[in-house]
Amino acid sequence: MKKTALLTAAIAAGITIFTACSKSKDTTGGGGSGGITFSCNGITPSFTADVQPILNTVCSINSNCHASGSTNTGGPLTTYAEVNAKKASIRAQILAGIMPQSGTITQPQINAFICWIDSGAPNN
């Protein structure tokens, strides 16, 4: 009985991970289940020029949700290392419309953040 329940849970988790991590290769309007879309056409975002300012204004400094020392889910998001370590979760939550919880994120900010992650999240 325990083995059957464990096997069922493992299969369900595998299906969830597989479907959650799949993404269309079309980056002209991909999106998440929350109806958030993005476009990478004509942009090559960098961490320093594009993502860090979004973090400062939307996620950490101005909102205090993910500032240094944050105990919110996800913790602080103030450095490249912190963001890079959580990039898959950040991507999923932005596209699901879960983040940001307070305030707003503009379409160009969504495009920059998601396209930066999808390009390998370079430290540039």
PDB file of N, CA and C in Angstrom:
ATOM      1  N   MET A   1       0.823  -1.191   0.000  1.00  0.00           N
ATOM      2  CA  MET A   1       0.000   0.000   0.000  1.00  0.00           C
ATOM      3  C   MET A   1       0.872   1.262   0.000  1.00  0.00           C
ATOM      4  N   LYS A   2       1.916   1.280   0.868  1.00  0.00           N
ATOM      5  CA  LYS A   2       2.812   2.432   0.923  1.00  0.00           C
ATOM      6  C   LYS A   2       3.538   2.615  -0.405  1.00  0.00           C
ATOM      7  N   LYS A   3       3.966   1.491  -1.013  1.00  0.00           N
ATOM      8  CA  LYS A   3       4.698   1.559  -2.269  1.00  0.00           C
ATOM      9  C   LYS A   3       3.811   2.117  -3.381  1.00  0.00           C
ATOM     10  N   THR A   4       2.556   1.723  -3.397  1.00  0.00           N
ATOM     11  CA  THR A   4       1.635   2.217  -4.415  1.00  0.00           C
ATOM     12  C   THR A   4       1.414   3.720  -4.262  1.00  0.00           C
ATOM     13  N   ALA A   5       1.220   4.175  -3.024  1.00  0.00           N
ATOM     14  CA  ALA A   5       1.013   5.609  -2.776  1.00  0.00           C
ATOM     15  C   ALA A   5       2.259   6.397  -3.148  1.00  0.00           C
ATOM     16  N   LEU A   6       3.423   5.872  -2.814  1.00  0.00           N
ATOM     17  CA  LEU A   6       4.684   6.536  -3.136  1.00  0.00           C
ATOM     18  C   LEU A   6       4.897   6.598  -4.646  1.00  0.00           C
ATOM     19  N   LEU A   7       4.604   5.502  -5.326  1.00  0.00           N
ATOM     20  CA  LEU A   7       4.745   5.466  -6.777  1.00  0.00           C
ATOM     21  C   LEU A   7       3.773   6.443  -7.437  1.00  0.00           C
ATOM     22  N   THR A   8       2.551   6.490  -6.966  1.00  0.00           N
ATOM     23  CA  THR A   8       1.555   7.423  -7.500  1.00  0.00           C
ATOM     24  C   THR A   8       2.006   8.860  -7.297  1.00  0.00           C
ATOM     25  N   ALA A   9       2.516   9.179  -6.117  1.00  0.00           N
ATOM     26  CA  ALA A   9       3.000  10.529  -5.834  1.00  0.00           C
ATOM     27  C   ALA A   9       4.195  10.875  -6.716  1.00  0.00           C
ATOM     28  N   ALA A  10       5.084   9.940  -6.933  1.00  0.00           N
ATOM     29  CA  ALA A  10       6.258  10.177  -7.774  1.00  0.00           C
ATOM     30  C   ALA A  10       5.847  10.422  -9.223  1.00  0.00           C
ATOM     31  N   ILE A  11       4.899   9.666  -9.710  1.00  0.00           N
ATOM     32  CA  ILE A  11       4.421   9.850 -11.087  1.00  0.00           C
ATOM     33  C   ILE A  11       3.742  11.211 -11.226  1.00  0.00           C
ATOM     34  N   ALA A  12       2.912  11.569 -10.265  1.00  0.00           N
ATOM     35  CA  ALA A  12       2.224  12.863 -10.300  1.00  0.00           C
ATOM     36  C   ALA A  12       3.238  14.006 -10.268  1.00  0.00           C
ATOM     37  N   ALA A  13       4.248  13.881  -9.424  1.00  0.00           N
ATOM     38  CA  ALA A  13       5.280  14.927  -9.341  1.00  0.00           C
ATOM     39  C   ALA A  13       6.041  15.020 -10.657  1.00  0.00           C
ATOM     40  N   GLY A  14       6.351  13.895 -11.245  1.00  0.00           N
ATOM     41  CA  GLY A  14       7.067  13.893 -12.527  1.00  0.00           C
ATOM     42  C   GLY A  14       6.252  14.552 -13.633  1.00  0.00           C
ATOM     43  N   ILE A  15       4.965  14.246 -13.678  1.00  0.00           N
ATOM     44  CA  ILE A  15       4.097  14.864 -14.687  1.00  0.00           C
ATOM     45  C   ILE A  15       4.012  16.359 -14.451  1.00  0.00           C
ATOM     46  N   THR A  16       3.867  16.771 -13.206  1.00  0.00           N
ATOM     47  CA  THR A  16       3.789  18.194 -12.877  1.00  0.00           C
ATOM     48  C   THR A  16       5.056  18.914 -13.285  1.00  0.00           C
ATOM     49  N   ILE A  17       6.196  18.351 -12.952  1.00  0.00           N
ATOM     50  CA  ILE A  17       7.475  18.972 -13.306  1.00  0.00           C
ATOM     51  C   ILE A  17       7.637  19.023 -14.815  1.00  0.00           C
ATOM     52  N   PHE A  18       7.310  17.943 -15.491  1.00  0.00           N
ATOM     53  CA  PHE A  18       7.461  17.911 -16.948  1.00  0.00           C
ATOM     54  C   PHE A  18       6.586  18.961 -17.616  1.00  0.00           C
ATOM     55  N   THR A  19       5.334  19.041 -17.220  1.00  0.00           N
ATOM     56  CA  THR A  19       4.447  20.008 -17.865  1.00  0.00           C
ATOM     57  C   THR A  19       4.747  21.431 -17.431  1.00  0.00           C
ATOM     58  N   ALA A  20       5.185  21.642 -16.209  1.00  0.00           N
ATOM     59  CA  ALA A  20       5.497  22.994 -15.744  1.00  0.00           C
ATOM     60  C   ALA A  20       6.757  23.530 -16.398  1.00  0.00           C
ATOM     61  N   CYS A  21       7.667  22.648 -16.740  1.00  0.00           N
ATOM     62  CA  CYS A  21       8.935  23.092 -17.308  1.00  0.00           C
ATOM     63  C   CYS A  21       8.920  23.138 -18.822  1.00  0.00           C
ATOM     64  N   SER A  22       7.866  22.654 -19.441  1.00  0.00           N
ATOM     65  CA  SER A  22       7.835  22.699 -20.896  1.00  0.00           C
ATOM     66  C   SER A  22       7.437  24.086 -21.354  1.00  0.00           C
ATOM     67  N   LYS A  23       7.994  24.494 -22.496  1.00  0.00           N
ATOM     68  CA  LYS A  23       7.729  25.822 -23.024  1.00  0.00           C
ATOM     69  C   LYS A  23       7.853  25.758 -24.519  1.00  0.00           C
ATOM     70  N   SER A  24       6.989  26.460 -25.155  1.00  0.00           N
ATOM     71  CA  SER A  24       7.063  26.559 -26.599  1.00  0.00           C
ATOM     72  C   SER A  24       8.350  27.277 -26.987  1.00  0.00           C
ATOM     73  N   LYS A  25       8.949  26.862 -28.067  1.00  0.00           N
ATOM     74  CA  LYS A  25      10.166  27.519 -28.548  1.00  0.00           C
ATOM     75  C   LYS A  25       9.855  28.867 -29.171  1.00  0.00           C
ATOM     76  N   ASP A  26       8.580  29.156 -29.419  1.00  0.00           N
ATOM     77  CA  ASP A  26       8.173  30.440 -29.990  1.00  0.00           C
ATOM     78  C   ASP A  26       8.255  31.499 -28.906  1.00  0.00           C
ATOM     79  N   THR A  27       9.263  32.346 -28.979  1.00  0.00           N
ATOM     80  CA  THR A  27       9.439  33.374 -27.957  1.00  0.00           C
ATOM     81  C   THR A  27       8.783  34.684 -28.357  1.00  0.00           C
ATOM     82  N   THR A  28       7.900  34.638 -29.343  1.00  0.00           N
ATOM     83  CA  THR A  28       7.234  35.866 -29.753  1.00  0.00           C
ATOM     84  C   THR A  28       5.975  36.121 -28.949  1.00  0.00           C
ATOM     85  N   GLY A  29       5.585  35.224 -28.127  1.00  0.00           N
ATOM     86  CA  GLY A  29       4.365  35.453 -27.354  1.00  0.00           C
ATOM     87  C   GLY A  29       4.111  34.336 -26.386  1.00  0.00           C
ATOM     88  N   GLY A  30       5.169  33.718 -25.911  1.00  0.00           N
ATOM     89  CA  GLY A  30       5.008  32.651 -24.947  1.00  0.00           C
ATOM     90  C   GLY A  30       4.365  33.189 -23.701  1.00  0.00           C
ATOM     91  N   GLY A  31       3.961  32.329 -22.836  1.00  0.00           N
ATOM     92  CA  GLY A  31       3.320  32.836 -21.637  1.00  0.00           C
ATOM     93  C   GLY A  31       3.139  31.761 -20.615  1.00  0.00           C
ATOM     94  N   GLY A  32       2.498  32.124 -19.571  1.00  0.00           N
ATOM     95  CA  GLY A  32       2.260  31.201 -18.481  1.00  0.00           C
ATOM     96  C   GLY A  32       0.787  30.915 -18.337  1.00  0.00           C
ATOM     97  N   SER A  33       0.467  30.094 -17.395  1.00  0.00           N
ATOM     98  CA  SER A  33      -0.915  29.694 -17.200  1.00  0.00           C
ATOM     99  C   SER A  33      -1.776  30.833 -16.678  1.00  0.00           C
ATOM    100  N   GLY A  34      -1.166  31.889 -16.172  1.00  0.00           N
ATOM    101  CA  GLY A  34      -1.922  33.015 -15.658  1.00  0.00           C
ATOM    102  C   GLY A  34      -2.278  34.016 -16.737  1.00  0.00           C
ATOM    103  N   GLY A  35      -1.988  33.690 -17.987  1.00  0.00           N
ATOM    104  CA  GLY A  35      -2.329  34.573 -19.082  1.00  0.00           C
ATOM    105  C   GLY A  35      -1.297  35.657 -19.336  1.00  0.00           C
ATOM    106  N   ILE A  36      -0.184  35.656 -18.628  1.00  0.00           N
ATOM    107  CA  ILE A  36       0.881  36.625 -18.845  1.00  0.00           C
ATOM    108  C   ILE A  36       1.671  36.178 -20.068  1.00  0.00           C
ATOM    109  N   THR A  37       1.900  37.080 -20.985  1.00  0.00           N
ATOM    110  CA  THR A  37       2.651  36.748 -22.183  1.00  0.00           C
ATOM    111  C   THR A  37       3.947  37.546 -22.202  1.00  0.00           C
ATOM    112  N   PHE A  38       4.833  37.155 -23.095  1.00  0.00           N
ATOM    113  CA  PHE A  38       6.097  37.871 -23.245  1.00  0.00           C
ATOM    114  C   PHE A  38       6.580  37.762 -24.674  1.00  0.00           C
ATOM    115  N   SER A  39       7.460  38.655 -25.035  1.00  0.00           N
ATOM    116  CA  SER A  39       8.071  38.633 -26.362  1.00  0.00           C
ATOM    117  C   SER A  39       9.541  38.989 -26.235  1.00  0.00           C
ATOM    118  N   CYS A  40      10.390  38.185 -26.859  1.00  0.00           N
ATOM    119  CA  CYS A  40      11.827  38.438 -26.847  1.00  0.00           C
ATOM    120  C   CYS A  40      12.299  39.040 -28.165  1.00  0.00           C
ATOM    121  N   ASN A  41      11.374  39.393 -29.023  1.00  0.00           N
ATOM    122  CA  ASN A  41      11.739  39.960 -30.322  1.00  0.00           C
ATOM    123  C   ASN A  41      12.522  41.252 -30.154  1.00  0.00           C
ATOM    124  N   GLY A  42      13.734  41.261 -30.697  1.00  0.00           N
ATOM    125  CA  GLY A  42      14.533  42.478 -30.739  1.00  0.00           C
ATOM    126  C   GLY A  42      15.162  42.905 -29.427  1.00  0.00           C
ATOM    127  N   ILE A  43      15.113  42.071 -28.398  1.00  0.00           N
ATOM    128  CA  ILE A  43      15.744  42.461 -27.131  1.00  0.00           C
ATOM    129  C   ILE A  43      16.740  41.401 -26.685  1.00  0.00           C
ATOM    130  N   THR A  44      17.812  41.862 -26.079  1.00  0.00           N
ATOM    131  CA  THR A  44      18.810  41.001 -25.457  1.00  0.00           C
ATOM    132  C   THR A  44      19.106  41.589 -24.088  1.00  0.00           C
ATOM    133  N   PRO A  45      18.253  41.305 -23.113  1.00  0.00           N
ATOM    134  CA  PRO A  45      18.400  41.943 -21.803  1.00  0.00           C
ATOM    135  C   PRO A  45      19.640  41.479 -21.056  1.00  0.00           C
ATOM    136  N   SER A  46      20.176  42.383 -20.248  1.00  0.00           N
ATOM    137  CA  SER A  46      21.312  42.038 -19.392  1.00  0.00           C
ATOM    138  C   SER A  46      20.882  42.184 -17.941  1.00  0.00           C
ATOM    139  N   PHE A  47      21.616  41.517 -17.066  1.00  0.00           N
ATOM    140  CA  PHE A  47      21.276  41.591 -15.646  1.00  0.00           C
ATOM    141  C   PHE A  47      21.446  43.016 -15.136  1.00  0.00           C
ATOM    142  N   THR A  48      22.600  43.617 -15.397  1.00  0.00           N
ATOM    143  CA  THR A  48      22.914  44.934 -14.849  1.00  0.00           C
ATOM    144  C   THR A  48      22.008  46.030 -15.398  1.00  0.00           C
ATOM    145  N   ALA A  49      21.809  46.048 -16.693  1.00  0.00           N
ATOM    146  CA  ALA A  49      21.049  47.140 -17.320  1.00  0.00           C
ATOM    147  C   ALA A  49      19.540  46.955 -17.240  1.00  0.00           C
ATOM    148  N   ASP A  50      19.062  45.716 -17.233  1.00  0.00           N
ATOM    149  CA  ASP A  50      17.627  45.483 -17.337  1.00  0.00           C
ATOM    150  C   ASP A  50      17.007  44.825 -16.107  1.00  0.00           C
ATOM    151  N   VAL A  51      17.589  43.733 -15.638  1.00  0.00           N
ATOM    152  CA  VAL A  51      16.982  42.965 -14.554  1.00  0.00           C
ATOM    153  C   VAL A  51      17.196  43.619 -13.189  1.00  0.00           C
ATOM    154  N   GLN A  52      18.398  44.060 -12.898  1.00  0.00           N
ATOM    155  CA  GLN A  52      18.677  44.675 -11.592  1.00  0.00           C
ATOM    156  C   GLN A  52      17.767  45.880 -11.314  1.00  0.00           C
ATOM    157  N   PRO A  53      17.540  46.773 -12.279  1.00  0.00           N
ATOM    158  CA  PRO A  53      16.613  47.874 -12.014  1.00  0.00           C
ATOM    159  C   PRO A  53      15.178  47.406 -11.713  1.00  0.00           C
ATOM    160  N   ILE A  54      14.746  46.317 -12.347  1.00  0.00           N
ATOM    161  CA  ILE A  54      13.418  45.763 -12.048  1.00  0.00           C
ATOM    162  C   ILE A  54      13.392  45.243 -10.617  1.00  0.00           C
ATOM    163  N   LEU A  55      14.447  44.532 -10.245  1.00  0.00           N
ATOM    164  CA  LEU A  55      14.531  44.032  -8.874  1.00  0.00           C
ATOM    165  C   LEU A  55      14.443  45.176  -7.875  1.00  0.00           C
ATOM    166  N   ASN A  56      15.186  46.238  -8.152  1.00  0.00           N
ATOM    167  CA  ASN A  56      15.211  47.376  -7.229  1.00  0.00           C
ATOM    168  C   ASN A  56      13.855  48.048  -7.117  1.00  0.00           C
ATOM    169  N   THR A  57      13.185  48.266  -8.232  1.00  0.00           N
ATOM    170  CA  THR A  57      11.940  49.024  -8.201  1.00  0.00           C
ATOM    171  C   THR A  57      10.717  48.181  -7.884  1.00  0.00           C
ATOM    172  N   VAL A  58      10.679  46.935  -8.333  1.00  0.00           N
ATOM    173  CA  VAL A  58       9.478  46.121  -8.196  1.00  0.00           C
ATOM    174  C   VAL A  58       9.593  45.081  -7.079  1.00  0.00           C
ATOM    175  N   CYS A  59      10.778  44.511  -6.890  1.00  0.00           N
ATOM    176  CA  CYS A  59      10.905  43.337  -6.031  1.00  0.00           C
ATOM    177  C   CYS A  59      11.533  43.586  -4.664  1.00  0.00           C
ATOM    178  N   SER A  60      12.526  44.438  -4.592  1.00  0.00           N
ATOM    179  CA  SER A  60      13.264  44.506  -3.329  1.00  0.00           C
ATOM    180  C   SER A  60      13.248  45.874  -2.674  1.00  0.00           C
ATOM    181  N   ILE A  61      13.988  46.818  -3.176  1.00  0.00           N
ATOM    182  CA  ILE A  61      14.196  48.082  -2.465  1.00  0.00           C
ATOM    183  C   ILE A  61      12.901  48.871  -2.301  1.00  0.00           C
ATOM    184  N   ASN A  62      12.198  49.142  -3.380  1.00  0.00           N
ATOM    185  CA  ASN A  62      10.986  49.961  -3.294  1.00  0.00           C
ATOM    186  C   ASN A  62       9.798  49.217  -2.697  1.00  0.00           C
ATOM    187  N   SER A  63       9.740  47.913  -2.844  1.00  0.00           N
ATOM    188  CA  SER A  63       8.593  47.157  -2.339  1.00  0.00           C
ATOM    189  C   SER A  63       8.862  46.514  -0.983  1.00  0.00           C
ATOM    190  N   ASN A  64      10.119  46.303  -0.663  1.00  0.00           N
ATOM    191  CA  ASN A  64      10.535  45.638   0.569  1.00  0.00           C
ATOM    192  C   ASN A  64      10.138  44.172   0.645  1.00  0.00           C
ATOM    193  N   CYS A  65       9.574  43.613  -0.414  1.00  0.00           N
ATOM    194  CA  CYS A  65       9.182  42.205  -0.388  1.00  0.00           C
ATOM    195  C   CYS A  65      10.390  41.276  -0.377  1.00  0.00           C
ATOM    196  N   HIS A  66      11.395  41.604  -1.173  1.00  0.00           N
ATOM    197  CA  HIS A  66      12.566  40.731  -1.301  1.00  0.00           C
ATOM    198  C   HIS A  66      13.858  41.510  -1.065  1.00  0.00           C
ATOM    199  N   ALA A  67      13.812  42.434  -0.122  1.00  0.00           N
ATOM    200  CA  ALA A  67      14.999  43.215   0.222  1.00  0.00           C
ATOM    201  C   ALA A  67      15.974  42.346   1.017  1.00  0.00           C
ATOM    202  N   SER A  68      17.156  42.862   1.243  1.00  0.00           N
ATOM    203  CA  SER A  68      18.160  42.160   2.028  1.00  0.00           C
ATOM    204  C   SER A  68      17.571  41.779   3.382  1.00  0.00           C
ATOM    205  N   GLY A  69      17.741  40.530   3.771  1.00  0.00           N
ATOM    206  CA  GLY A  69      17.228  40.047   5.051  1.00  0.00           C
ATOM    207  C   GLY A  69      15.775  39.612   4.999  1.00  0.00           C
ATOM    208  N   SER A  70      15.150  39.637   3.835  1.00  0.00           N
ATOM    209  CA  SER A  70      13.744  39.267   3.697  1.00  0.00           C
ATOM    210  C   SER A  70      13.498  37.841   4.145  1.00  0.00           C
ATOM    211  N   THR A  71      12.384  37.638   4.819  1.00  0.00           N
ATOM    212  CA  THR A  71      11.965  36.293   5.200  1.00  0.00           C
ATOM    213  C   THR A  71      10.740  35.864   4.407  1.00  0.00           C
ATOM    214  N   ASN A  72      10.343  36.676   3.423  1.00  0.00           N
ATOM    215  CA  ASN A  72       9.237  36.288   2.541  1.00  0.00           C
ATOM    216  C   ASN A  72       9.636  35.043   1.761  1.00  0.00           C
ATOM    217  N   THR A  73       8.655  34.331   1.261  1.00  0.00           N
ATOM    218  CA  THR A  73       8.940  33.186   0.408  1.00  0.00           C
ATOM    219  C   THR A  73       9.823  33.653  -0.737  1.00  0.00           C
ATOM    220  N   GLY A  74      10.888  32.953  -0.971  1.00  0.00           N
ATOM    221  CA  GLY A  74      11.849  33.360  -1.997  1.00  0.00           C
ATOM    222  C   GLY A  74      13.030  34.097  -1.403  1.00  0.00           C
ATOM    223  N   GLY A  75      12.830  34.682  -0.225  1.00  0.00           N
ATOM    224  CA  GLY A  75      13.920  35.383   0.445  1.00  0.00           C
ATOM    225  C   GLY A  75      14.364  36.621  -0.308  1.00  0.00           C
ATOM    226  N   PRO A  76      15.558  37.100   0.001  1.00  0.00           N
ATOM    227  CA  PRO A  76      16.051  38.307  -0.666  1.00  0.00           C
ATOM    228  C   PRO A  76      16.384  38.056  -2.130  1.00  0.00           C
ATOM    229  N   LEU A  77      16.122  39.074  -2.946  1.00  0.00           N
ATOM    230  CA  LEU A  77      16.465  39.026  -4.371  1.00  0.00           C
ATOM    231  C   LEU A  77      17.179  40.324  -4.708  1.00  0.00           C
ATOM    232  N   THR A  78      18.372  40.465  -4.176  1.00  0.00           N
ATOM    233  CA  THR A  78      19.106  41.710  -4.358  1.00  0.00           C
ATOM    234  C   THR A  78      20.399  41.547  -5.150  1.00  0.00           C
ATOM    235  N   THR A  79      20.865  40.322  -5.311  1.00  0.00           N
ATOM    236  CA  THR A  79      22.121  40.087  -6.017  1.00  0.00           C
ATOM    237  C   THR A  79      21.908  39.108  -7.170  1.00  0.00           C
ATOM    238  N   TYR A  80      22.862  39.099  -8.078  1.00  0.00           N
ATOM    239  CA  TYR A  80      22.815  38.150  -9.188  1.00  0.00           C
ATOM    240  C   TYR A  80      22.725  36.719  -8.661  1.00  0.00           C
ATOM    241  N   ALA A  81      23.543  36.366  -7.687  1.00  0.00           N
ATOM    242  CA  ALA A  81      23.574  34.995  -7.169  1.00  0.00           C
ATOM    243  C   ALA A  81      22.214  34.582  -6.606  1.00  0.00           C
ATOM    244  N   GLU A  82      21.561  35.476  -5.876  1.00  0.00           N
ATOM    245  CA  GLU A  82      20.249  35.161  -5.291  1.00  0.00           C
ATOM    246  C   GLU A  82      19.200  34.951  -6.384  1.00  0.00           C
ATOM    247  N   VAL A  83      19.214  35.806  -7.385  1.00  0.00           N
ATOM    248  CA  VAL A  83      18.233  35.711  -8.466  1.00  0.00           C
ATOM    249  C   VAL A  83      18.517  34.494  -9.336  1.00  0.00           C
ATOM    250  N   ASN A  84      19.767  34.272  -9.677  1.00  0.00           N
ATOM    251  CA  ASN A  84      20.133  33.138 -10.522  1.00  0.00           C
ATOM    252  C   ASN A  84      19.740  31.817  -9.873  1.00  0.00           C
ATOM    253  N   ALA A  85      19.914  31.713  -8.569  1.00  0.00           N
ATOM    254  CA  ALA A  85      19.583  30.482  -7.863  1.00  0.00           C
ATOM    255  C   ALA A  85      18.077  30.200  -7.876  1.00  0.00           C
ATOM    256  N   LYS A  86      17.270  31.230  -8.048  1.00  0.00           N
ATOM    257  CA  LYS A  86      15.808  31.084  -7.971  1.00  0.00           C
ATOM    258  C   LYS A  86      15.115  31.417  -9.292  1.00  0.00           C
ATOM    259  N   LYS A  87      15.878  31.474 -10.372  1.00  0.00           N
ATOM    260  CA  LYS A  87      15.342  31.956 -11.646  1.00  0.00           C
ATOM    261  C   LYS A  87      14.156  31.144 -12.168  1.00  0.00           C
ATOM    262  N   ALA A  88      14.164  29.839 -12.013  1.00  0.00           N
ATOM    263  CA  ALA A  88      13.044  29.026 -12.513  1.00  0.00           C
ATOM    264  C   ALA A  88      11.755  29.355 -11.761  1.00  0.00           C
ATOM    265  N   SER A  89      11.873  29.499 -10.468  1.00  0.00           N
ATOM    266  CA  SER A  89      10.706  29.848  -9.655  1.00  0.00           C
ATOM    267  C   SER A  89      10.218  31.261  -9.971  1.00  0.00           C
ATOM    268  N   ILE A  90      11.151  32.189 -10.124  1.00  0.00           N
ATOM    269  CA  ILE A  90      10.790  33.573 -10.453  1.00  0.00           C
ATOM    270  C   ILE A  90      10.057  33.600 -11.789  1.00  0.00           C
ATOM    271  N   ARG A  91      10.589  32.901 -12.774  1.00  0.00           N
ATOM    272  CA  ARG A  91       9.973  32.867 -14.107  1.00  0.00           C
ATOM    273  C   ARG A  91       8.549  32.348 -14.011  1.00  0.00           C
ATOM    274  N   ALA A  92       8.385  31.221 -13.334  1.00  0.00           N
ATOM    275  CA  ALA A  92       7.060  30.611 -13.220  1.00  0.00           C
ATOM    276  C   ALA A  92       6.078  31.536 -12.509  1.00  0.00           C
ATOM    277  N   GLN A  93       6.539  32.205 -11.453  1.00  0.00           N
ATOM    278  CA  GLN A  93       5.638  33.056 -10.687  1.00  0.00           C
ATOM    279  C   GLN A  93       5.275  34.336 -11.440  1.00  0.00           C
ATOM    280  N   ILE A  94       6.197  34.883 -12.203  1.00  0.00           N
ATOM    281  CA  ILE A  94       5.866  36.060 -13.019  1.00  0.00           C
ATOM    282  C   ILE A  94       4.837  35.673 -14.069  1.00  0.00           C
ATOM    283  N   LEU A  95       5.065  34.565 -14.776  1.00  0.00           N
ATOM    284  CA  LEU A  95       4.159  34.163 -15.846  1.00  0.00           C
ATOM    285  C   LEU A  95       2.809  33.683 -15.328  1.00  0.00           C
ATOM    286  N   ALA A  96       2.759  33.223 -14.110  1.00  0.00           N
ATOM    287  CA  ALA A  96       1.483  32.821 -13.513  1.00  0.00           C
ATOM    288  C   ALA A  96       0.722  34.021 -12.963  1.00  0.00           C
ATOM    289  N   GLY A  97       1.365  35.188 -12.955  1.00  0.00           N
ATOM    290  CA  GLY A  97       0.717  36.384 -12.430  1.00  0.00           C
ATOM    291  C   GLY A  97       0.754  36.467 -10.918  1.00  0.00           C
ATOM    292  N   ILE A  98       1.577  35.630 -10.278  1.00  0.00           N
ATOM    293  CA  ILE A  98       1.678  35.603  -8.817  1.00  0.00           C
ATOM    294  C   ILE A  98       2.588  36.712  -8.306  1.00  0.00           C
ATOM    295  N   MET A  99       3.665  36.985  -9.045  1.00  0.00           N
ATOM    296  CA  MET A  99       4.592  38.052  -8.645  1.00  0.00           C
ATOM    297  C   MET A  99       4.520  39.175  -9.662  1.00  0.00           C
ATOM    298  N   PRO A 100       4.625  40.366  -9.269  1.00  0.00           N
ATOM    299  CA  PRO A 100       4.741  40.812  -7.882  1.00  0.00           C
ATOM    300  C   PRO A 100       3.379  40.794  -7.181  1.00  0.00           C
ATOM    301  N   GLN A 101       3.412  40.542  -5.872  1.00  0.00           N
ATOM    302  CA  GLN A 101       2.168  40.490  -5.110  1.00  0.00           C
ATOM    303  C   GLN A 101       1.609  41.881  -4.875  1.00  0.00           C
ATOM    304  N   SER A 102       2.485  42.837  -4.682  1.00  0.00           N
ATOM    305  CA  SER A 102       2.025  44.218  -4.538  1.00  0.00           C
ATOM    306  C   SER A 102       2.697  45.039  -5.626  1.00  0.00           C
ATOM    307  N   GLY A 103       2.032  46.029  -6.111  1.00  0.00           N
ATOM    308  CA  GLY A 103       2.592  46.812  -7.202  1.00  0.00           C
ATOM    309  C   GLY A 103       2.347  46.130  -8.532  1.00  0.00           C
ATOM    310  N   THR A 104       2.978  46.662  -9.547  1.00  0.00           N
ATOM    311  CA  THR A 104       2.777  46.113 -10.887  1.00  0.00           C
ATOM    312  C   THR A 104       4.113  45.937 -11.587  1.00  0.00           C
ATOM    313  N   ILE A 105       4.081  45.105 -12.585  1.00  0.00           N
ATOM    314  CA  ILE A 105       5.234  44.907 -13.452  1.00  0.00           C
ATOM    315  C   ILE A 105       4.752  45.147 -14.874  1.00  0.00           C
ATOM    316  N   THR A 106       5.456  45.984 -15.595  1.00  0.00           N
ATOM    317  CA  THR A 106       5.040  46.364 -16.945  1.00  0.00           C
ATOM    318  C   THR A 106       5.391  45.274 -17.945  1.00  0.00           C
ATOM    319  N   GLN A 107       4.787  45.348 -19.117  1.00  0.00           N
ATOM    320  CA  GLN A 107       5.096  44.374 -20.162  1.00  0.00           C
ATOM    321  C   GLN A 107       6.569  44.411 -20.559  1.00  0.00           C
ATOM    322  N   PRO A 108       7.188  45.593 -20.739  1.00  0.00           N
ATOM    323  CA  PRO A 108       8.628  45.591 -21.041  1.00  0.00           C
ATOM    324  C   PRO A 108       9.464  44.969 -19.911  1.00  0.00           C
ATOM    325  N   GLN A 109       9.060  45.146 -18.672  1.00  0.00           N
ATOM    326  CA  GLN A 109       9.784  44.529 -17.553  1.00  0.00           C
ATOM    327  C   GLN A 109       9.620  43.016 -17.579  1.00  0.00           C
ATOM    328  N   ILE A 110       8.410  42.541 -17.864  1.00  0.00           N
ATOM    329  CA  ILE A 110       8.181  41.091 -17.992  1.00  0.00           C
ATOM    330  C   ILE A 110       9.057  40.536 -19.109  1.00  0.00           C
ATOM    331  N   ASN A 111       9.033  41.209 -20.264  1.00  0.00           N
ATOM    332  CA  ASN A 111       9.847  40.755 -21.400  1.00  0.00           C
ATOM    333  C   ASN A 111      11.319  40.674 -21.012  1.00  0.00           C
ATOM    334  N   ALA A 112      11.823  41.721 -20.384  1.00  0.00           N
ATOM    335  CA  ALA A 112      13.238  41.748 -20.013  1.00  0.00           C
ATOM    336  C   ALA A 112      13.583  40.617 -19.054  1.00  0.00           C
ATOM    337  N   PHE A 113      12.782  40.449 -18.005  1.00  0.00           N
ATOM    338  CA  PHE A 113      13.089  39.447 -16.982  1.00  0.00           C
ATOM    339  C   PHE A 113      13.014  38.039 -17.559  1.00  0.00           C
ATOM    340  N   ILE A 114      11.923  37.720 -18.245  1.00  0.00           N
ATOM    341  CA  ILE A 114      11.732  36.374 -18.773  1.00  0.00           C
ATOM    342  C   ILE A 114      12.753  36.068 -19.872  1.00  0.00           C
ATOM    343  N   CYS A 115      12.992  37.016 -20.749  1.00  0.00           N
ATOM    344  CA  CYS A 115      13.939  36.781 -21.849  1.00  0.00           C
ATOM    345  C   CYS A 115      15.371  36.657 -21.332  1.00  0.00           C
ATOM    346  N   TRP A 116      15.707  37.393 -20.282  1.00  0.00           N
ATOM    347  CA  TRP A 116      17.020  37.249 -19.656  1.00  0.00           C
ATOM    348  C   TRP A 116      17.165  35.844 -19.100  1.00  0.00           C
ATOM    349  N   ILE A 117      16.153  35.358 -18.401  1.00  0.00           N
ATOM    350  CA  ILE A 117      16.200  33.987 -17.846  1.00  0.00           C
ATOM    351  C   ILE A 117      16.302  32.979 -18.984  1.00  0.00           C
ATOM    352  N   ASP A 118      15.462  33.153 -20.012  1.00  0.00           N
ATOM    353  CA  ASP A 118      15.441  32.195 -21.112  1.00  0.00           C
ATOM    354  C   ASP A 118      16.734  32.191 -21.931  1.00  0.00           C
ATOM    355  N   SER A 119      17.500  33.269 -21.846  1.00  0.00           N
ATOM    356  CA  SER A 119      18.782  33.313 -22.563  1.00  0.00           C
ATOM    357  C   SER A 119      19.926  32.764 -21.699  1.00  0.00           C
ATOM    358  N   GLY A 120      19.589  32.136 -20.600  1.00  0.00           N
ATOM    359  CA  GLY A 120      20.604  31.515 -19.757  1.00  0.00           C
ATOM    360  C   GLY A 120      20.966  32.316 -18.527  1.00  0.00           C
ATOM    361  N   ALA A 121      20.273  33.429 -18.286  1.00  0.00           N
ATOM    362  CA  ALA A 121      20.505  34.279 -17.120  1.00  0.00           C
ATOM    363  C   ALA A 121      21.975  34.656 -16.972  1.00  0.00           C
ATOM    364  N   PRO A 122      22.559  35.272 -18.007  1.00  0.00           N
ATOM    365  CA  PRO A 122      23.982  35.628 -17.917  1.00  0.00           C
ATOM    366  C   PRO A 122      24.240  36.729 -16.890  1.00  0.00           C
ATOM    367  N   ASN A 123      25.415  36.675 -16.295  1.00  0.00           N
ATOM    368  CA  ASN A 123      25.823  37.698 -15.314  1.00  0.00           C
ATOM    369  C   ASN A 123      26.516  38.813 -16.090  1.00  0.00           C
ATOM    370  N   ASN A 124      25.713  39.666 -16.686  1.00  0.00           N
ATOM    371  CA  ASN A 124      26.266  40.734 -17.533  1.00  0.00           C
ATOM    372  C   ASN A 124      25.644  42.080 -17.200  1.00  0.00           C
TER     373      ASN A 124
END
